[in-house]
Amino acid sequence: MLNSSIPRYQQVKEYISCRIDGGELQPGMKIESENKLVSVLGVSRMTINRALRELADEGKLTRIQGAGTFVASQKPQSALLEVQSIAQEIRSRGGGYSCDIKLLSEEKAKPALALSMGLQPYAPVYHSIIVHMDNEVAIQLADRYVNPAIAPSYLEQDYTQISPNEYLLSVSQISEVEHVVEAVIADGWIRDLLQINDAEPCLVLHRKTWVEQNVVTKSSFYYPGSRYTIGGRFTPSNKGSIQVT
């Protein structure tokens, strides 16, 4: 089927890209298996694999281990300068929100965490790890510690019905927020939960929130780099220089 002089993997990429751009393959649609593409296009599996891998790296496809290869949705963008519910964010753009609660427990705050949150060493702290998904594709892993004094009922909520942000904003008026963003190759357990390979970077948004002088939460939100962006638009408070740290 492929007979031009350009490299075959590039021809496979163009074949799939044209089907996406032409609307035959819609966002979220599963494409044929590698074996099926080998049969249809008459090329090696190595050629198909390279083409799919490069299309995934370019953000056109999403590959989920054990599930297959899907047409990627346009990368959503998380607001850098806001605190908002991931559930509301996904639903607002027409996505299908769901979550998988991996951990919801009371722990003893180790000294470094206690110092960061203004707690006594080994004082009680609530800890949750939740994977948030859009149409069954993981787009955020939220690793969050919560001060029990500010949100005493945190462990009692059904987070399949209300997001942690929605609950926390309902019980406290946040007075200050700190955001720090970095790009990392995440630890293995995080990659496994996000279903990404060991070469894909994650964007990590580290957040601390306060009510007056009290730290409410200390969180890290991991986003697969191929599926998400983080950004924001704002008006500077003056016309001088803007410092980003």
Protein backbone atom coordinates (compact mmCIF):
# COMPACT_ATOMS: atom_id res chain seq x y z
CA MET A 1 0.00 0.00 0.00
CA LEU A 2 2.91 2.31 0.72
CA ASN A 3 5.14 2.89 -2.28
CA SER A 4 6.69 6.36 -2.20
CA SER A 5 10.36 7.06 -1.66
CA ILE A 6 9.99 8.59 1.81
CA PRO A 7 10.76 6.39 4.85
CA ARG A 8 8.02 3.90 5.57
CA TYR A 9 7.53 4.89 9.20
CA GLN A 10 6.94 8.47 7.99
CA GLN A 11 4.36 7.21 5.51
CA VAL A 12 2.59 5.35 8.30
CA LYS A 13 2.57 8.53 10.38
CA GLU A 14 1.08 10.49 7.49
CA TYR A 15 -1.54 7.78 6.88
CA ILE A 16 -2.73 7.92 10.51
CA SER A 17 -2.42 11.71 10.74
CA CYS A 18 -4.55 12.18 7.62
CA ARG A 19 -7.25 9.97 9.11
CA ILE A 20 -7.19 12.06 12.28
CA ASP A 21 -7.16 15.40 10.48
CA GLY A 22 -9.92 14.25 8.13
CA GLY A 23 -12.20 13.27 11.00
CA GLU A 24 -12.24 9.51 10.35
CA LEU A 25 -10.46 8.99 13.67
CA GLN A 26 -12.04 11.09 16.42
CA PRO A 27 -10.49 12.07 19.79
CA GLY A 28 -10.74 9.17 22.22
CA MET A 29 -11.22 6.58 19.45
CA LYS A 30 -9.11 3.44 19.63
CA ILE A 31 -7.09 2.81 16.47
CA GLU A 32 -6.23 -0.56 14.98
CA SER A 33 -3.77 -2.86 16.70
CA GLU A 34 -0.16 -2.99 15.53
CA ASN A 35 -0.82 -6.43 14.01
CA LYS A 36 -3.80 -5.10 12.08
CA LEU A 37 -1.80 -2.13 10.76
CA VAL A 38 1.01 -4.48 9.72
CA SER A 39 -1.52 -6.50 7.70
CA VAL A 40 -3.25 -3.46 6.15
CA LEU A 41 -0.12 -1.45 5.29
CA GLY A 42 2.29 -4.28 4.47
CA VAL A 43 5.16 -3.03 6.63
CA SER A 44 7.04 -4.47 9.58
CA ARG A 45 5.80 -4.26 13.15
CA MET A 46 8.95 -2.31 14.02
CA THR A 47 7.94 0.33 11.45
CA ILE A 48 4.41 0.53 12.87
CA ASN A 49 5.73 0.73 16.42
CA ARG A 50 8.08 3.59 15.58
CA ALA A 51 5.32 5.53 13.80
CA LEU A 52 2.89 5.12 16.72
CA ARG A 53 5.57 6.00 19.24
CA GLU A 54 6.48 9.21 17.42
CA LEU A 55 2.82 10.20 17.00
CA ALA A 56 2.36 9.67 20.74
CA ASP A 57 5.43 11.82 21.46
CA GLU A 58 3.91 14.52 19.23
CA GLY A 59 0.66 14.41 21.19
CA LYS A 60 -1.54 12.98 18.43
CA LEU A 61 -1.95 9.56 20.02
CA THR A 62 -2.16 8.24 23.56
CA ARG A 63 -0.78 4.76 24.22
CA ILE A 64 -2.09 2.96 27.31
CA GLN A 65 -0.35 -0.23 28.33
CA GLY A 66 -2.73 -3.17 28.15
CA ALA A 67 -5.53 -1.12 26.60
CA GLY A 68 -4.25 0.00 23.21
CA THR A 69 -3.60 3.20 21.26
CA PHE A 70 -6.13 6.03 21.17
CA VAL A 71 -6.51 9.32 19.33
CA ALA A 72 -5.46 12.00 21.79
CA SER A 73 -7.74 14.83 22.77
CA GLN A 74 -6.37 18.34 22.53
CA LYS A 75 -4.11 18.85 25.53
CA PRO A 76 -6.09 20.46 28.33
CA GLN A 77 -4.41 23.21 30.30
CA SER A 78 -4.46 23.54 34.06
CA ALA A 79 -4.64 27.08 35.38
CA LEU A 80 -1.35 27.97 37.02
CA LEU A 81 -2.68 30.91 39.03
CA GLU A 82 -5.93 29.38 40.29
CA VAL A 83 -7.10 26.69 42.70
CA GLN A 84 -9.83 24.79 40.94
CA SER A 85 -11.50 21.39 40.93
CA ILE A 86 -10.07 18.95 38.40
CA ALA A 87 -13.54 17.37 38.16
CA GLN A 88 -15.16 20.68 37.23
CA GLU A 89 -12.32 21.45 34.81
CA ILE A 90 -12.80 18.17 32.94
CA ARG A 91 -16.59 18.44 32.85
CA SER A 92 -16.47 22.08 31.70
CA ARG A 93 -14.77 21.04 28.44
CA GLY A 94 -17.15 18.12 27.86
CA GLY A 95 -14.92 15.36 29.23
CA GLY A 96 -15.97 12.29 31.17
CA TYR A 97 -14.63 12.64 34.71
CA SER A 98 -13.86 9.71 36.99
CA CYS A 99 -11.31 8.97 39.70
CA ASP A 100 -9.55 6.07 41.34
CA ILE A 101 -8.87 6.48 45.07
CA LYS A 102 -5.57 4.76 45.86
CA LEU A 103 -5.09 5.99 49.44
CA LEU A 104 -7.23 7.79 52.01
CA SER A 105 -5.85 7.49 55.53
CA GLU A 106 -4.60 9.13 58.70
CA GLU A 107 -0.83 9.01 59.18
CA LYS A 108 1.82 10.42 61.52
CA ALA A 109 3.60 13.41 60.01
CA LYS A 110 7.32 12.74 59.62
CA PRO A 111 9.55 15.58 60.84
CA ALA A 112 10.19 17.17 57.40
CA LEU A 113 6.50 17.12 56.49
CA ALA A 114 5.50 18.36 59.96
CA LEU A 115 7.92 21.28 59.68
CA SER A 116 6.58 22.18 56.23
CA MET A 117 2.98 22.14 57.50
CA GLY A 118 3.58 23.78 60.87
CA LEU A 119 2.68 20.61 62.79
CA GLN A 120 4.39 18.83 65.65
CA PRO A 121 6.52 15.88 64.55
CA TYR A 122 4.42 12.72 64.26
CA ALA A 123 1.19 14.63 64.78
CA PRO A 124 -1.83 13.24 62.87
CA VAL A 125 -2.10 14.24 59.22
CA TYR A 126 -4.52 13.12 56.54
CA HIS A 127 -3.07 11.68 53.32
CA SER A 128 -4.79 10.95 50.02
CA ILE A 129 -3.56 9.69 46.66
CA ILE A 130 -6.16 9.93 43.90
CA VAL A 131 -5.83 9.38 40.15
CA HIS A 132 -8.14 11.68 38.18
CA MET A 133 -9.21 10.56 34.71
CA ASP A 134 -10.79 12.04 31.60
CA ASN A 135 -12.68 9.38 29.60
CA GLU A 136 -10.78 6.67 31.51
CA VAL A 137 -7.37 8.17 30.64
CA ALA A 138 -5.31 9.25 33.66
CA ILE A 139 -4.41 12.94 33.47
CA GLN A 140 -3.53 13.79 37.08
CA LEU A 141 -2.23 12.02 40.15
CA ALA A 142 -2.94 14.08 43.27
CA ASP A 143 -0.75 13.31 46.29
CA ARG A 144 -2.19 15.49 49.08
CA TYR A 145 -1.57 15.99 52.82
CA VAL A 146 -4.28 17.76 54.82
CA ASN A 147 -4.25 19.43 58.24
CA PRO A 148 -6.96 17.64 60.29
CA ALA A 149 -7.58 20.74 62.41
CA ILE A 150 -8.78 22.67 59.36
CA ALA A 151 -10.63 19.86 57.55
CA PRO A 152 -11.63 17.34 60.23
CA SER A 153 -14.03 15.41 57.97
CA TYR A 154 -11.63 15.02 55.06
CA LEU A 155 -11.45 11.23 55.36
CA GLU A 156 -15.23 10.85 55.50
CA GLN A 157 -16.00 12.26 52.05
CA ASP A 158 -16.97 10.26 48.97
CA TYR A 159 -14.46 11.61 46.47
CA THR A 160 -16.18 9.87 43.59
CA GLN A 161 -19.01 12.40 44.13
CA ILE A 162 -17.13 15.51 45.32
CA SER A 163 -13.51 16.35 44.56
CA PRO A 164 -11.08 17.07 47.41
CA ASN A 165 -10.75 20.68 46.21
CA GLU A 166 -14.52 21.13 46.27
CA TYR A 167 -14.71 19.81 49.82
CA LEU A 168 -11.74 21.82 51.08
CA LEU A 169 -13.06 25.05 49.57
CA SER A 170 -16.43 24.39 51.23
CA VAL A 171 -14.96 24.21 54.75
CA SER A 172 -12.27 26.91 54.60
CA GLN A 173 -11.57 30.24 52.95
CA ILE A 174 -8.07 29.99 51.52
CA SER A 175 -6.06 33.12 52.20
CA GLU A 176 -2.76 32.25 50.47
CA VAL A 177 -1.50 29.79 47.87
CA GLU A 178 2.00 28.81 46.80
CA HIS A 179 2.57 27.12 43.41
CA VAL A 180 5.87 25.69 42.20
CA VAL A 181 6.10 23.81 38.88
CA GLU A 182 8.86 21.45 37.76
CA ALA A 183 9.39 18.78 35.11
CA VAL A 184 10.51 15.37 36.38
CA ILE A 185 10.81 11.73 35.46
CA ALA A 186 8.40 10.44 38.09
CA ASP A 187 9.01 7.52 40.44
CA GLY A 188 7.95 4.11 39.22
CA TRP A 189 4.78 3.88 41.31
CA ILE A 190 3.58 7.21 39.90
CA ARG A 191 4.33 6.16 36.32
CA ASP A 192 2.42 2.93 36.89
CA LEU A 193 -0.66 4.74 38.20
CA LEU A 194 -0.56 7.25 35.34
CA GLN A 195 0.13 4.46 32.82
CA ILE A 196 3.12 6.15 31.23
CA ASN A 197 6.49 4.74 30.26
CA ASP A 198 9.77 5.36 32.05
CA ALA A 199 10.93 7.94 29.49
CA GLU A 200 7.92 10.26 29.59
CA PRO A 201 8.37 13.36 31.77
CA CYS A 202 5.71 14.62 34.12
CA LEU A 203 4.80 18.18 34.94
CA VAL A 204 4.47 18.51 38.71
CA LEU A 205 2.56 21.30 40.39
CA HIS A 206 3.54 21.58 44.07
CA ARG A 207 0.94 23.50 46.06
CA LYS A 208 0.64 24.74 49.64
CA THR A 209 -2.47 26.50 50.89
CA TRP A 210 -3.05 28.55 54.01
CA VAL A 211 -5.95 29.83 56.06
CA GLU A 212 -4.51 32.86 57.83
CA GLN A 213 -1.30 31.51 59.38
CA ASN A 214 -2.24 27.83 59.25
CA VAL A 215 -1.17 25.47 56.46
CA VAL A 216 -4.21 23.60 55.20
CA THR A 217 -2.70 21.39 52.51
CA LYS A 218 0.63 20.35 51.03
CA SER A 219 0.12 18.66 47.68
CA SER A 220 1.89 17.49 44.54
CA PHE A 221 -0.08 17.08 41.31
CA TYR A 222 1.55 14.94 38.61
CA TYR A 223 0.47 15.41 34.97
CA PRO A 224 1.77 13.25 32.07
CA GLY A 225 3.72 15.62 29.83
CA SER A 226 2.13 14.24 26.65
CA ARG A 227 -1.41 14.79 27.93
CA TYR A 228 -1.41 18.10 29.77
CA THR A 229 -0.06 21.61 29.96
CA ILE A 230 0.03 24.12 32.80
CA GLY A 231 -0.32 27.83 32.20
CA GLY A 232 -2.10 31.03 33.03
CA ARG A 233 -2.87 34.55 31.98
CA PHE A 234 -2.75 37.45 34.40
CA THR A 235 -2.48 41.21 34.69
CA PRO A 236 0.65 42.43 36.53
CA SER A 237 0.00 44.56 39.58
CA ASN A 238 2.32 47.25 38.18
CA LYS A 239 4.18 48.00 34.98
CA GLY A 240 7.56 47.12 36.39
CA SER A 241 9.39 43.84 35.95
CA ILE A 242 7.75 40.48 36.61
CA GLN A 243 9.78 38.00 38.65
CA VAL A 244 9.15 34.28 38.27
CA THR A 245 10.66 31.93 40.81
